[in-house]
Amino acid sequence: MATPGEALFSAALGLIGGVLGAGVVERLKSSVASLDVELLRLENFEDDLFDVFAVAPDDKDRGSMLRQLSGRRRRLGLNIRRKVPDSVAYQACKAELVKFDGILAKAEDGVVMDDALEGLIEETAMRLRHQLRHSSRAARAFALLRGPA
């Protein structure tokens, strides 16, 4: 039987460990939530990119739409840089972001959407989404803690 001092010490250690463990899990959850926000931004960027190609090249609103998309593409790149600290994984993400830059250049040049361009946009977004999910340490750690779904 433990003395009252030993029991108190054991309870204090358990409490501290529980608080620290809960803090780590909450930080992990917030990192994953932050990654989910970037994935949502990527999805919205993809949708808006399709919308730009749907607008006629001589439409007066197309220029402002393209400027907004270019700014959102830069912000997406900066946010991904912060969330993917591994340089190899970031380079894979960056390759997809560069493809988006090329697609934006085509939109600025007034290229008409065809099946190949539509496939390129979808493929680029899908690859970037995959890279983000598998490159984020927080997402991998949380998936490990969560277990098989």
C-alpha atoms as a PDB file:
ATOM      1  CA  MET A   1       0.000   0.000   0.000  1.00  0.00           C
ATOM      2  CA  ALA A   2       1.288   3.415  -0.960  1.00  0.00           C
ATOM      3  CA  THR A   3       1.721   6.155   1.549  1.00  0.00           C
ATOM      4  CA  PRO A   4      -0.380   9.292   1.134  1.00  0.00           C
ATOM      5  CA  GLY A   5       2.698  11.161  -0.177  1.00  0.00           C
ATOM      6  CA  GLU A   6       3.400   8.515  -2.808  1.00  0.00           C
ATOM      7  CA  ALA A   7      -0.256   8.470  -3.861  1.00  0.00           C
ATOM      8  CA  LEU A   8      -0.283  12.263  -4.144  1.00  0.00           C
ATOM      9  CA  PHE A   9       2.958  12.210  -6.154  1.00  0.00           C
ATOM     10  CA  SER A  10       1.568   9.524  -8.464  1.00  0.00           C
ATOM     11  CA  ALA A  11      -1.681  11.465  -8.956  1.00  0.00           C
ATOM     12  CA  ALA A  12       0.270  14.657  -9.696  1.00  0.00           C
ATOM     13  CA  LEU A  13       2.390  12.873 -12.306  1.00  0.00           C
ATOM     14  CA  GLY A  14      -0.719  11.376 -13.882  1.00  0.00           C
ATOM     15  CA  LEU A  15      -2.383  14.776 -14.026  1.00  0.00           C
ATOM     16  CA  ILE A  16       0.671  16.464 -15.552  1.00  0.00           C
ATOM     17  CA  GLY A  17       1.064  13.673 -18.092  1.00  0.00           C
ATOM     18  CA  GLY A  18      -2.609  13.878 -19.011  1.00  0.00           C
ATOM     19  CA  VAL A  19      -2.505  17.642 -19.441  1.00  0.00           C
ATOM     20  CA  LEU A  20       0.657  17.473 -21.560  1.00  0.00           C
ATOM     21  CA  GLY A  21      -0.732  14.613 -23.638  1.00  0.00           C
ATOM     22  CA  ALA A  22      -3.987  16.450 -24.222  1.00  0.00           C
ATOM     23  CA  GLY A  23      -2.035  19.553 -25.234  1.00  0.00           C
ATOM     24  CA  VAL A  24      -0.029  17.598 -27.785  1.00  0.00           C
ATOM     25  CA  VAL A  25      -3.143  15.992 -29.238  1.00  0.00           C
ATOM     26  CA  GLU A  26      -4.935  19.355 -29.447  1.00  0.00           C
ATOM     27  CA  ARG A  27      -1.951  20.942 -31.195  1.00  0.00           C
ATOM     28  CA  LEU A  28      -1.911  18.032 -33.607  1.00  0.00           C
ATOM     29  CA  LYS A  29      -5.634  18.455 -34.267  1.00  0.00           C
ATOM     30  CA  SER A  30      -5.201  22.182 -34.940  1.00  0.00           C
ATOM     31  CA  SER A  31      -2.364  21.457 -37.374  1.00  0.00           C
ATOM     32  CA  VAL A  32      -4.550  18.985 -39.228  1.00  0.00           C
ATOM     33  CA  ALA A  33      -7.433  21.488 -39.236  1.00  0.00           C
ATOM     34  CA  SER A  34      -5.055  24.066 -40.682  1.00  0.00           C
ATOM     35  CA  LEU A  35      -4.071  21.605 -43.393  1.00  0.00           C
ATOM     36  CA  ASP A  36      -7.759  20.975 -44.108  1.00  0.00           C
ATOM     37  CA  VAL A  37      -8.201  24.725 -44.615  1.00  0.00           C
ATOM     38  CA  GLU A  38      -5.424  24.703 -47.222  1.00  0.00           C
ATOM     39  CA  LEU A  39      -7.042  21.747 -48.964  1.00  0.00           C
ATOM     40  CA  LEU A  40     -10.316  23.677 -49.056  1.00  0.00           C
ATOM     41  CA  ARG A  41      -8.503  26.725 -50.468  1.00  0.00           C
ATOM     42  CA  LEU A  42      -6.975  24.493 -53.136  1.00  0.00           C
ATOM     43  CA  GLU A  43     -10.406  23.160 -54.043  1.00  0.00           C
ATOM     44  CA  ASN A  44     -11.814  26.694 -54.290  1.00  0.00           C
ATOM     45  CA  PHE A  45      -8.817  27.763 -56.386  1.00  0.00           C
ATOM     46  CA  GLU A  46      -9.437  24.864 -58.759  1.00  0.00           C
ATOM     47  CA  ASP A  47     -13.141  25.755 -59.087  1.00  0.00           C
ATOM     48  CA  ASP A  48     -12.364  29.423 -59.721  1.00  0.00           C
ATOM     49  CA  LEU A  49      -9.755  28.465 -62.306  1.00  0.00           C
ATOM     50  CA  PHE A  50     -12.423  26.582 -64.221  1.00  0.00           C
ATOM     51  CA  ASP A  51     -14.702  29.622 -63.875  1.00  0.00           C
ATOM     52  CA  VAL A  52     -12.054  31.880 -65.441  1.00  0.00           C
ATOM     53  CA  PHE A  53     -11.826  29.634 -68.477  1.00  0.00           C
ATOM     54  CA  ALA A  54     -15.627  29.719 -68.757  1.00  0.00           C
ATOM     55  CA  VAL A  55     -15.580  33.510 -69.073  1.00  0.00           C
ATOM     56  CA  ALA A  56     -15.012  34.933 -72.548  1.00  0.00           C
ATOM     57  CA  PRO A  57     -11.460  36.274 -73.111  1.00  0.00           C
ATOM     58  CA  ASP A  58     -12.771  39.755 -73.926  1.00  0.00           C
ATOM     59  CA  ASP A  59     -14.991  39.984 -70.830  1.00  0.00           C
ATOM     60  CA  LYS A  60     -14.177  43.043 -68.690  1.00  0.00           C
ATOM     61  CA  ASP A  61     -14.255  41.032 -65.443  1.00  0.00           C
ATOM     62  CA  ARG A  62     -11.766  38.414 -66.610  1.00  0.00           C
ATOM     63  CA  GLY A  63      -8.708  40.570 -65.857  1.00  0.00           C
ATOM     64  CA  SER A  64      -9.711  41.126 -62.249  1.00  0.00           C
ATOM     65  CA  MET A  65     -10.571  37.444 -61.875  1.00  0.00           C
ATOM     66  CA  LEU A  66      -7.101  36.513 -63.136  1.00  0.00           C
ATOM     67  CA  ARG A  67      -5.387  39.001 -60.787  1.00  0.00           C
ATOM     68  CA  GLN A  68      -7.307  37.582 -57.829  1.00  0.00           C
ATOM     69  CA  LEU A  69      -6.449  34.033 -58.857  1.00  0.00           C
ATOM     70  CA  SER A  70      -2.760  34.905 -59.208  1.00  0.00           C
ATOM     71  CA  GLY A  71      -2.745  36.396 -55.714  1.00  0.00           C
ATOM     72  CA  ARG A  72      -4.529  33.369 -54.298  1.00  0.00           C
ATOM     73  CA  ARG A  73      -2.027  31.066 -56.035  1.00  0.00           C
ATOM     74  CA  ARG A  74       0.871  32.945 -54.401  1.00  0.00           C
ATOM     75  CA  ARG A  75      -0.766  32.797 -50.970  1.00  0.00           C
ATOM     76  CA  LEU A  76      -1.442  29.099 -51.448  1.00  0.00           C
ATOM     77  CA  GLY A  77       2.242  28.591 -52.235  1.00  0.00           C
ATOM     78  CA  LEU A  78       3.342  30.539 -49.158  1.00  0.00           C
ATOM     79  CA  ASN A  79       0.954  28.656 -46.892  1.00  0.00           C
ATOM     80  CA  ILE A  80       2.101  25.322 -48.277  1.00  0.00           C
ATOM     81  CA  ARG A  81       5.723  26.347 -47.699  1.00  0.00           C
ATOM     82  CA  ARG A  82       4.927  26.918 -44.013  1.00  0.00           C
ATOM     83  CA  LYS A  83       2.995  23.681 -43.617  1.00  0.00           C
ATOM     84  CA  VAL A  84       5.397  21.360 -45.468  1.00  0.00           C
ATOM     85  CA  PRO A  85       8.784  21.803 -43.815  1.00  0.00           C
ATOM     86  CA  ASP A  86      10.488  18.866 -45.549  1.00  0.00           C
ATOM     87  CA  SER A  87      12.367  20.231 -48.567  1.00  0.00           C
ATOM     88  CA  VAL A  88      11.882  17.135 -50.753  1.00  0.00           C
ATOM     89  CA  ALA A  89       8.143  17.059 -50.099  1.00  0.00           C
ATOM     90  CA  TYR A  90       7.909  20.806 -50.656  1.00  0.00           C
ATOM     91  CA  GLN A  91       9.677  20.473 -54.013  1.00  0.00           C
ATOM     92  CA  ALA A  92       7.015  17.969 -55.081  1.00  0.00           C
ATOM     93  CA  CYS A  93       4.293  20.421 -54.040  1.00  0.00           C
ATOM     94  CA  LYS A  94       6.139  23.274 -55.722  1.00  0.00           C
ATOM     95  CA  ALA A  95       6.243  21.358 -59.019  1.00  0.00           C
ATOM     96  CA  GLU A  96       2.446  21.230 -58.993  1.00  0.00           C
ATOM     97  CA  LEU A  97       2.220  24.911 -58.074  1.00  0.00           C
ATOM     98  CA  VAL A  98       4.443  25.737 -61.065  1.00  0.00           C
ATOM     99  CA  LYS A  99       2.000  23.811 -63.261  1.00  0.00           C
ATOM    100  CA  PHE A 100      -0.763  26.032 -61.905  1.00  0.00           C
ATOM    101  CA  ASP A 101       1.340  29.049 -62.883  1.00  0.00           C
ATOM    102  CA  GLY A 102       1.498  27.707 -66.432  1.00  0.00           C
ATOM    103  CA  ILE A 103      -2.241  27.141 -66.477  1.00  0.00           C
ATOM    104  CA  LEU A 104      -2.807  30.704 -65.251  1.00  0.00           C
ATOM    105  CA  ALA A 105      -0.542  31.947 -68.051  1.00  0.00           C
ATOM    106  CA  LYS A 106      -2.710  30.056 -70.546  1.00  0.00           C
ATOM    107  CA  ALA A 107      -5.789  31.701 -69.068  1.00  0.00           C
ATOM    108  CA  GLU A 108      -4.148  35.114 -69.401  1.00  0.00           C
ATOM    109  CA  ASP A 109      -3.368  34.346 -73.046  1.00  0.00           C
ATOM    110  CA  GLY A 110      -7.031  33.545 -73.677  1.00  0.00           C
ATOM    111  CA  VAL A 111      -6.553  29.838 -74.419  1.00  0.00           C
ATOM    112  CA  VAL A 112      -9.856  28.028 -74.791  1.00  0.00           C
ATOM    113  CA  MET A 113     -10.614  25.177 -72.396  1.00  0.00           C
ATOM    114  CA  ASP A 114     -10.352  21.755 -73.974  1.00  0.00           C
ATOM    115  CA  ASP A 115     -10.338  18.233 -72.557  1.00  0.00           C
ATOM    116  CA  ALA A 116      -6.547  18.143 -72.233  1.00  0.00           C
ATOM    117  CA  LEU A 117      -6.440  21.416 -70.278  1.00  0.00           C
ATOM    118  CA  GLU A 118      -9.341  20.342 -68.087  1.00  0.00           C
ATOM    119  CA  GLY A 119      -7.534  17.073 -67.355  1.00  0.00           C
ATOM    120  CA  LEU A 120      -4.315  18.954 -66.568  1.00  0.00           C
ATOM    121  CA  ILE A 121      -6.089  21.183 -64.057  1.00  0.00           C
ATOM    122  CA  GLU A 122      -7.801  18.245 -62.350  1.00  0.00           C
ATOM    123  CA  GLU A 123      -4.612  16.158 -62.323  1.00  0.00           C
ATOM    124  CA  THR A 124      -2.510  19.006 -60.935  1.00  0.00           C
ATOM    125  CA  ALA A 125      -4.998  19.700 -58.162  1.00  0.00           C
ATOM    126  CA  MET A 126      -5.277  15.995 -57.344  1.00  0.00           C
ATOM    127  CA  ARG A 127      -1.490  15.568 -57.161  1.00  0.00           C
ATOM    128  CA  LEU A 128      -1.062  18.653 -55.018  1.00  0.00           C
ATOM    129  CA  ARG A 129      -3.831  17.483 -52.699  1.00  0.00           C
ATOM    130  CA  HIS A 130      -2.128  14.084 -52.412  1.00  0.00           C
ATOM    131  CA  GLN A 131       1.269  15.678 -51.776  1.00  0.00           C
ATOM    132  CA  LEU A 132      -0.169  17.899 -49.061  1.00  0.00           C
ATOM    133  CA  ARG A 133      -1.879  15.049 -47.275  1.00  0.00           C
ATOM    134  CA  HIS A 134       1.233  12.885 -47.304  1.00  0.00           C
ATOM    135  CA  SER A 135       3.836  15.598 -46.748  1.00  0.00           C
ATOM    136  CA  SER A 136       2.467  17.148 -43.605  1.00  0.00           C
ATOM    137  CA  ARG A 137       4.039  15.637 -40.506  1.00  0.00           C
ATOM    138  CA  ALA A 138       1.025  16.655 -38.456  1.00  0.00           C
ATOM    139  CA  ALA A 139      -1.377  14.876 -40.810  1.00  0.00           C
ATOM    140  CA  ARG A 140       0.719  11.713 -40.803  1.00  0.00           C
ATOM    141  CA  ALA A 141       1.068  11.739 -36.996  1.00  0.00           C
ATOM    142  CA  PHE A 142      -2.641  12.333 -36.508  1.00  0.00           C
ATOM    143  CA  ALA A 143      -3.487   9.533 -38.944  1.00  0.00           C
ATOM    144  CA  LEU A 144      -1.183   7.260 -36.956  1.00  0.00           C
ATOM    145  CA  LEU A 145      -2.895   8.213 -33.687  1.00  0.00           C
ATOM    146  CA  ARG A 146      -6.364   7.922 -35.171  1.00  0.00           C
ATOM    147  CA  GLY A 147      -5.667   4.495 -36.618  1.00  0.00           C
ATOM    148  CA  PRO A 148      -7.370   2.880 -39.580  1.00  0.00           C
ATOM    149  CA  ALA A 149     -10.618   4.577 -40.484  1.00  0.00           C
END
